[in-house]
Amino acid sequence: QVQLVESGGGLVQPGGSLTLSCTASELITTMDLMGWYRQTPGNQREVVALIGKDGSRFIGDSVKERFTISEDNAKNTVYVQMRDLKSEDTSNYYCYAQRDGNDYWGRGTRVTVSS
């Protein structure tokens, strides 16, 4: 069972930046896919950013050009760097991993964008 632990959420002002971290309990090089989703109660889950085993990246349309995803294999950690944050980025952010057809989720970290 892969465990994912997020960190880095918090309160940030509009226009600010924040980096979220997701550390896996197993080697992230064994994962087929890793990344981030976000969801607020009553809304659909939305993909934020994904990174494939081959290094390919997908960034969600609503955050494109503001968010980037990166990884540190030595730390078994995936990051999402968020800049120019907007109030609509306020959400619960969840780390996601997929391996051999199995999906794994972190417990989430809250990001609030407010002045």
N, C-alpha and C. Protein backbone atom coordinates (compact mmCIF):
# COMPACT_ATOMS: atom_id res chain seq x y z
N GLN A 1 0.84 -1.19 0.00
CA GLN A 1 0.00 0.00 0.00
C GLN A 1 0.88 1.25 0.00
N VAL A 2 0.79 2.02 -1.05
CA VAL A 2 1.58 3.24 -1.15
C VAL A 2 0.92 4.33 -0.31
N GLN A 3 1.72 4.97 0.50
CA GLN A 3 1.22 6.09 1.29
C GLN A 3 1.80 7.39 0.74
N LEU A 4 0.94 8.38 0.66
CA LEU A 4 1.32 9.69 0.12
C LEU A 4 1.03 10.74 1.19
N VAL A 5 2.00 11.56 1.46
CA VAL A 5 1.84 12.59 2.48
C VAL A 5 2.12 13.96 1.86
N GLU A 6 1.10 14.80 1.92
CA GLU A 6 1.23 16.15 1.36
C GLU A 6 1.66 17.13 2.44
N SER A 7 2.29 18.19 2.00
CA SER A 7 2.62 19.28 2.90
C SER A 7 2.76 20.55 2.07
N GLY A 8 2.74 21.68 2.77
CA GLY A 8 2.97 22.96 2.11
C GLY A 8 1.75 23.83 1.92
N GLY A 9 0.59 23.32 2.27
CA GLY A 9 -0.60 24.14 2.12
C GLY A 9 -0.64 25.26 3.14
N GLY A 10 -1.58 26.17 2.94
CA GLY A 10 -1.71 27.28 3.87
C GLY A 10 -2.45 28.44 3.26
N LEU A 11 -2.33 29.55 3.93
CA LEU A 11 -2.98 30.79 3.49
C LEU A 11 -1.98 31.64 2.72
N VAL A 12 -2.40 32.12 1.58
CA VAL A 12 -1.53 32.97 0.76
C VAL A 12 -2.37 34.08 0.14
N GLN A 13 -1.78 35.22 -0.06
CA GLN A 13 -2.50 36.34 -0.66
C GLN A 13 -2.61 36.17 -2.17
N PRO A 14 -3.62 36.76 -2.76
CA PRO A 14 -3.72 36.73 -4.23
C PRO A 14 -2.45 37.26 -4.87
N GLY A 15 -2.02 36.57 -5.91
CA GLY A 15 -0.77 36.94 -6.57
C GLY A 15 0.45 36.27 -5.97
N GLY A 16 0.28 35.62 -4.85
CA GLY A 16 1.40 34.98 -4.18
C GLY A 16 1.74 33.62 -4.75
N SER A 17 2.73 32.99 -4.13
CA SER A 17 3.21 31.69 -4.59
C SER A 17 3.24 30.70 -3.44
N LEU A 18 3.16 29.44 -3.82
CA LEU A 18 3.19 28.37 -2.83
C LEU A 18 3.68 27.11 -3.52
N THR A 19 4.40 26.28 -2.80
CA THR A 19 4.83 24.99 -3.33
C THR A 19 4.31 23.88 -2.42
N LEU A 20 3.62 22.94 -3.02
CA LEU A 20 3.14 21.77 -2.31
C LEU A 20 4.09 20.60 -2.56
N SER A 21 4.26 19.79 -1.53
CA SER A 21 5.12 18.60 -1.64
C SER A 21 4.31 17.35 -1.36
N CYS A 22 4.65 16.30 -2.05
CA CYS A 22 4.03 15.00 -1.82
C CYS A 22 5.14 13.97 -1.73
N THR A 23 5.28 13.37 -0.56
CA THR A 23 6.30 12.36 -0.35
C THR A 23 5.66 10.99 -0.29
N ALA A 24 6.20 10.08 -1.08
CA ALA A 24 5.66 8.73 -1.15
C ALA A 24 6.44 7.77 -0.25
N SER A 25 5.74 6.73 0.19
CA SER A 25 6.37 5.73 1.06
C SER A 25 7.21 4.74 0.28
N GLU A 26 7.07 4.78 -1.06
CA GLU A 26 7.84 3.89 -1.91
C GLU A 26 8.48 4.70 -3.03
N LEU A 27 9.39 4.07 -3.74
CA LEU A 27 10.12 4.77 -4.78
C LEU A 27 9.16 5.34 -5.82
N ILE A 28 9.26 6.63 -6.06
CA ILE A 28 8.36 7.24 -7.05
C ILE A 28 8.75 6.81 -8.46
N THR A 29 9.94 6.29 -8.63
CA THR A 29 10.32 5.79 -9.95
C THR A 29 9.56 4.52 -10.33
N THR A 30 8.89 3.91 -9.36
CA THR A 30 8.07 2.72 -9.66
C THR A 30 6.63 3.10 -10.01
N MET A 31 6.30 4.36 -9.85
CA MET A 31 4.94 4.82 -10.14
C MET A 31 4.77 5.08 -11.62
N ASP A 32 3.62 4.70 -12.14
CA ASP A 32 3.31 4.96 -13.54
C ASP A 32 2.92 6.42 -13.76
N LEU A 33 2.30 6.99 -12.73
CA LEU A 33 1.81 8.36 -12.83
C LEU A 33 1.75 8.95 -11.43
N MET A 34 2.11 10.21 -11.31
CA MET A 34 1.95 10.92 -10.04
C MET A 34 1.54 12.34 -10.32
N GLY A 35 0.93 12.93 -9.32
CA GLY A 35 0.56 14.31 -9.51
C GLY A 35 -0.41 14.82 -8.48
N TRP A 36 -1.16 15.82 -8.90
CA TRP A 36 -2.04 16.53 -7.99
C TRP A 36 -3.41 16.76 -8.60
N TYR A 37 -4.41 16.63 -7.75
CA TYR A 37 -5.78 17.01 -8.05
C TYR A 37 -6.21 18.00 -6.97
N ARG A 38 -7.30 18.67 -7.25
CA ARG A 38 -7.90 19.52 -6.23
C ARG A 38 -9.41 19.37 -6.26
N GLN A 39 -10.01 19.62 -5.12
CA GLN A 39 -11.46 19.47 -5.01
C GLN A 39 -11.95 20.24 -3.81
N THR A 40 -13.07 20.91 -4.00
CA THR A 40 -13.76 21.54 -2.90
C THR A 40 -15.11 20.85 -2.74
N PRO A 41 -15.67 20.84 -1.55
CA PRO A 41 -16.95 20.16 -1.32
C PRO A 41 -18.02 20.62 -2.31
N GLY A 42 -18.70 19.68 -2.90
CA GLY A 42 -19.76 20.00 -3.83
C GLY A 42 -19.31 20.19 -5.26
N ASN A 43 -18.01 20.14 -5.47
CA ASN A 43 -17.47 20.33 -6.82
C ASN A 43 -16.75 19.08 -7.29
N GLN A 44 -16.58 19.00 -8.58
CA GLN A 44 -15.87 17.86 -9.15
C GLN A 44 -14.38 17.96 -8.88
N ARG A 45 -13.77 16.80 -8.80
CA ARG A 45 -12.32 16.76 -8.68
C ARG A 45 -11.70 17.25 -9.98
N GLU A 46 -10.68 18.04 -9.86
CA GLU A 46 -10.06 18.67 -11.02
C GLU A 46 -8.58 18.34 -11.05
N VAL A 47 -8.09 17.94 -12.19
CA VAL A 47 -6.67 17.66 -12.30
C VAL A 47 -5.89 18.96 -12.29
N VAL A 48 -4.83 18.98 -11.51
CA VAL A 48 -3.96 20.14 -11.43
C VAL A 48 -2.72 19.91 -12.30
N ALA A 49 -2.00 18.86 -11.99
CA ALA A 49 -0.77 18.56 -12.73
C ALA A 49 -0.41 17.10 -12.53
N LEU A 50 0.09 16.49 -13.59
CA LEU A 50 0.49 15.09 -13.55
C LEU A 50 1.84 14.93 -14.20
N ILE A 51 2.58 13.93 -13.72
CA ILE A 51 3.87 13.62 -14.33
C ILE A 51 3.96 12.11 -14.53
N GLY A 52 4.30 11.71 -15.72
CA GLY A 52 4.35 10.30 -16.05
C GLY A 52 5.71 9.69 -15.76
N LYS A 53 5.75 8.39 -15.85
CA LYS A 53 6.98 7.66 -15.58
C LYS A 53 8.07 8.03 -16.58
N ASP A 54 7.63 8.44 -17.77
CA ASP A 54 8.59 8.83 -18.80
C ASP A 54 8.98 10.29 -18.71
N GLY A 55 8.47 10.97 -17.68
CA GLY A 55 8.79 12.38 -17.49
C GLY A 55 7.84 13.33 -18.17
N SER A 56 6.88 12.80 -18.91
CA SER A 56 5.89 13.66 -19.56
C SER A 56 5.04 14.36 -18.51
N ARG A 57 4.60 15.54 -18.86
CA ARG A 57 3.85 16.36 -17.91
C ARG A 57 2.53 16.82 -18.52
N PHE A 58 1.53 16.91 -17.66
CA PHE A 58 0.24 17.47 -18.04
C PHE A 58 -0.14 18.49 -16.98
N ILE A 59 -0.50 19.68 -17.43
CA ILE A 59 -0.94 20.73 -16.52
C ILE A 59 -2.38 21.08 -16.87
N GLY A 60 -3.23 21.16 -15.87
CA GLY A 60 -4.64 21.46 -16.10
C GLY A 60 -4.84 22.82 -16.75
N ASP A 61 -5.86 22.93 -17.55
CA ASP A 61 -6.10 24.16 -18.30
C ASP A 61 -6.26 25.38 -17.40
N SER A 62 -6.91 25.20 -16.26
CA SER A 62 -7.20 26.35 -15.41
C SER A 62 -5.95 26.88 -14.69
N VAL A 63 -4.87 26.12 -14.71
CA VAL A 63 -3.66 26.54 -14.00
C VAL A 63 -2.45 26.59 -14.92
N LYS A 64 -2.70 26.35 -16.17
CA LYS A 64 -1.60 26.34 -17.13
C LYS A 64 -0.88 27.68 -17.11
N GLU A 65 0.43 27.63 -17.23
CA GLU A 65 1.31 28.81 -17.24
C GLU A 65 1.45 29.45 -15.87
N ARG A 66 0.76 28.93 -14.88
CA ARG A 66 0.96 29.42 -13.51
C ARG A 66 1.52 28.33 -12.58
N PHE A 67 1.22 27.08 -12.89
CA PHE A 67 1.64 25.96 -12.05
C PHE A 67 2.63 25.09 -12.83
N THR A 68 3.59 24.55 -12.13
CA THR A 68 4.50 23.57 -12.73
C THR A 68 4.64 22.38 -11.78
N ILE A 69 5.00 21.25 -12.33
CA ILE A 69 5.19 20.05 -11.53
C ILE A 69 6.62 19.56 -11.71
N SER A 70 7.18 19.08 -10.62
CA SER A 70 8.54 18.56 -10.68
C SER A 70 8.68 17.42 -9.70
N GLU A 71 9.80 16.71 -9.78
CA GLU A 71 10.01 15.57 -8.91
C GLU A 71 11.46 15.53 -8.46
N ASP A 72 11.64 14.92 -7.30
CA ASP A 72 12.98 14.66 -6.77
C ASP A 72 13.02 13.19 -6.40
N ASN A 73 13.60 12.40 -7.28
CA ASN A 73 13.60 10.95 -7.06
C ASN A 73 14.35 10.56 -5.78
N ALA A 74 15.38 11.30 -5.47
CA ALA A 74 16.16 10.97 -4.27
C ALA A 74 15.34 11.14 -3.00
N LYS A 75 14.38 12.04 -3.05
CA LYS A 75 13.53 12.29 -1.88
C LYS A 75 12.17 11.63 -2.00
N ASN A 76 11.94 10.92 -3.11
CA ASN A 76 10.63 10.31 -3.35
C ASN A 76 9.51 11.33 -3.21
N THR A 77 9.73 12.50 -3.76
CA THR A 77 8.81 13.61 -3.59
C THR A 77 8.47 14.25 -4.92
N VAL A 78 7.20 14.59 -5.06
CA VAL A 78 6.71 15.33 -6.21
C VAL A 78 6.21 16.69 -5.71
N TYR A 79 6.49 17.70 -6.47
CA TYR A 79 6.13 19.06 -6.08
C TYR A 79 5.19 19.67 -7.12
N VAL A 80 4.37 20.58 -6.66
CA VAL A 80 3.68 21.46 -7.58
C VAL A 80 3.99 22.88 -7.13
N GLN A 81 4.59 23.63 -8.04
CA GLN A 81 4.92 25.02 -7.77
C GLN A 81 3.81 25.89 -8.32
N MET A 82 3.22 26.68 -7.45
CA MET A 82 2.07 27.50 -7.82
C MET A 82 2.43 28.97 -7.69
N ARG A 83 2.17 29.73 -8.70
CA ARG A 83 2.45 31.17 -8.64
C ARG A 83 1.25 31.93 -9.15
N ASP A 84 1.24 33.25 -8.89
CA ASP A 84 0.13 34.10 -9.31
C ASP A 84 -1.20 33.48 -8.88
N LEU A 85 -1.25 33.10 -7.63
CA LEU A 85 -2.43 32.41 -7.13
C LEU A 85 -3.64 33.34 -7.11
N LYS A 86 -4.78 32.75 -7.38
CA LYS A 86 -6.04 33.47 -7.45
C LYS A 86 -7.00 32.88 -6.43
N SER A 87 -8.03 33.63 -6.13
CA SER A 87 -9.00 33.15 -5.14
C SER A 87 -9.63 31.83 -5.57
N GLU A 88 -9.77 31.66 -6.88
CA GLU A 88 -10.38 30.41 -7.37
C GLU A 88 -9.46 29.21 -7.25
N ASP A 89 -8.21 29.43 -6.86
CA ASP A 89 -7.32 28.31 -6.60
C ASP A 89 -7.52 27.75 -5.19
N THR A 90 -8.31 28.44 -4.40
CA THR A 90 -8.62 27.94 -3.06
C THR A 90 -9.29 26.58 -3.16
N SER A 91 -8.71 25.59 -2.50
CA SER A 91 -9.22 24.24 -2.62
C SER A 91 -8.45 23.30 -1.70
N ASN A 92 -8.90 22.07 -1.66
CA ASN A 92 -8.14 21.00 -1.04
C ASN A 92 -7.35 20.31 -2.14
N TYR A 93 -6.06 20.21 -1.94
CA TYR A 93 -5.17 19.63 -2.95
C TYR A 93 -4.75 18.24 -2.50
N TYR A 94 -4.90 17.29 -3.42
CA TYR A 94 -4.63 15.89 -3.11
C TYR A 94 -3.53 15.36 -4.00
N CYS A 95 -2.61 14.67 -3.37
CA CYS A 95 -1.57 13.97 -4.12
C CYS A 95 -2.14 12.65 -4.64
N TYR A 96 -1.71 12.28 -5.82
CA TYR A 96 -2.22 11.08 -6.48
C TYR A 96 -1.06 10.29 -7.06
N ALA A 97 -1.18 8.97 -6.99
CA ALA A 97 -0.21 8.09 -7.63
C ALA A 97 -0.94 6.89 -8.21
N GLN A 98 -0.41 6.42 -9.30
CA GLN A 98 -0.97 5.22 -9.94
C GLN A 98 0.17 4.26 -10.24
N ARG A 99 -0.07 2.99 -9.90
CA ARG A 99 0.92 1.97 -10.19
C ARG A 99 0.23 0.66 -10.46
N ASP A 100 0.53 0.08 -11.57
CA ASP A 100 -0.05 -1.21 -11.95
C ASP A 100 -1.57 -1.20 -11.88
N GLY A 101 -2.17 -0.09 -12.27
CA GLY A 101 -3.62 -0.01 -12.30
C GLY A 101 -4.26 0.35 -10.98
N ASN A 102 -3.46 0.51 -9.94
CA ASN A 102 -4.00 0.87 -8.63
C ASN A 102 -3.81 2.37 -8.38
N ASP A 103 -4.84 2.97 -7.81
CA ASP A 103 -4.81 4.40 -7.50
C ASP A 103 -4.56 4.61 -6.01
N TYR A 104 -3.74 5.60 -5.72
CA TYR A 104 -3.43 5.94 -4.34
C TYR A 104 -3.61 7.44 -4.16
N TRP A 105 -4.12 7.79 -2.98
CA TRP A 105 -4.40 9.20 -2.69
C TRP A 105 -3.83 9.60 -1.34
N GLY A 106 -3.37 10.83 -1.28
CA GLY A 106 -3.03 11.40 0.00
C GLY A 106 -4.26 11.94 0.69
N ARG A 107 -4.09 12.43 1.89
CA ARG A 107 -5.22 12.93 2.66
C ARG A 107 -5.56 14.36 2.33
N GLY A 108 -4.69 15.02 1.61
CA GLY A 108 -4.97 16.38 1.16
C GLY A 108 -4.34 17.45 2.01
N THR A 109 -4.14 18.58 1.38
CA THR A 109 -3.66 19.77 2.08
C THR A 109 -4.45 20.96 1.56
N ARG A 110 -4.79 21.84 2.46
CA ARG A 110 -5.67 22.95 2.13
C ARG A 110 -4.87 24.16 1.67
N VAL A 111 -5.30 24.74 0.57
CA VAL A 111 -4.73 26.00 0.09
C VAL A 111 -5.84 27.04 0.07
N THR A 112 -5.59 28.14 0.75
CA THR A 112 -6.56 29.23 0.79
C THR A 112 -5.89 30.48 0.24
N VAL A 113 -6.50 31.04 -0.78
CA VAL A 113 -5.98 32.27 -1.38
C VAL A 113 -6.93 33.40 -1.01
N SER A 114 -6.44 34.28 -0.16
CA SER A 114 -7.30 35.35 0.35
C SER A 114 -6.44 36.48 0.88
N SER A 115 -6.99 37.68 0.75
CA SER A 115 -6.30 38.84 1.32
C SER A 115 -6.79 39.12 2.73
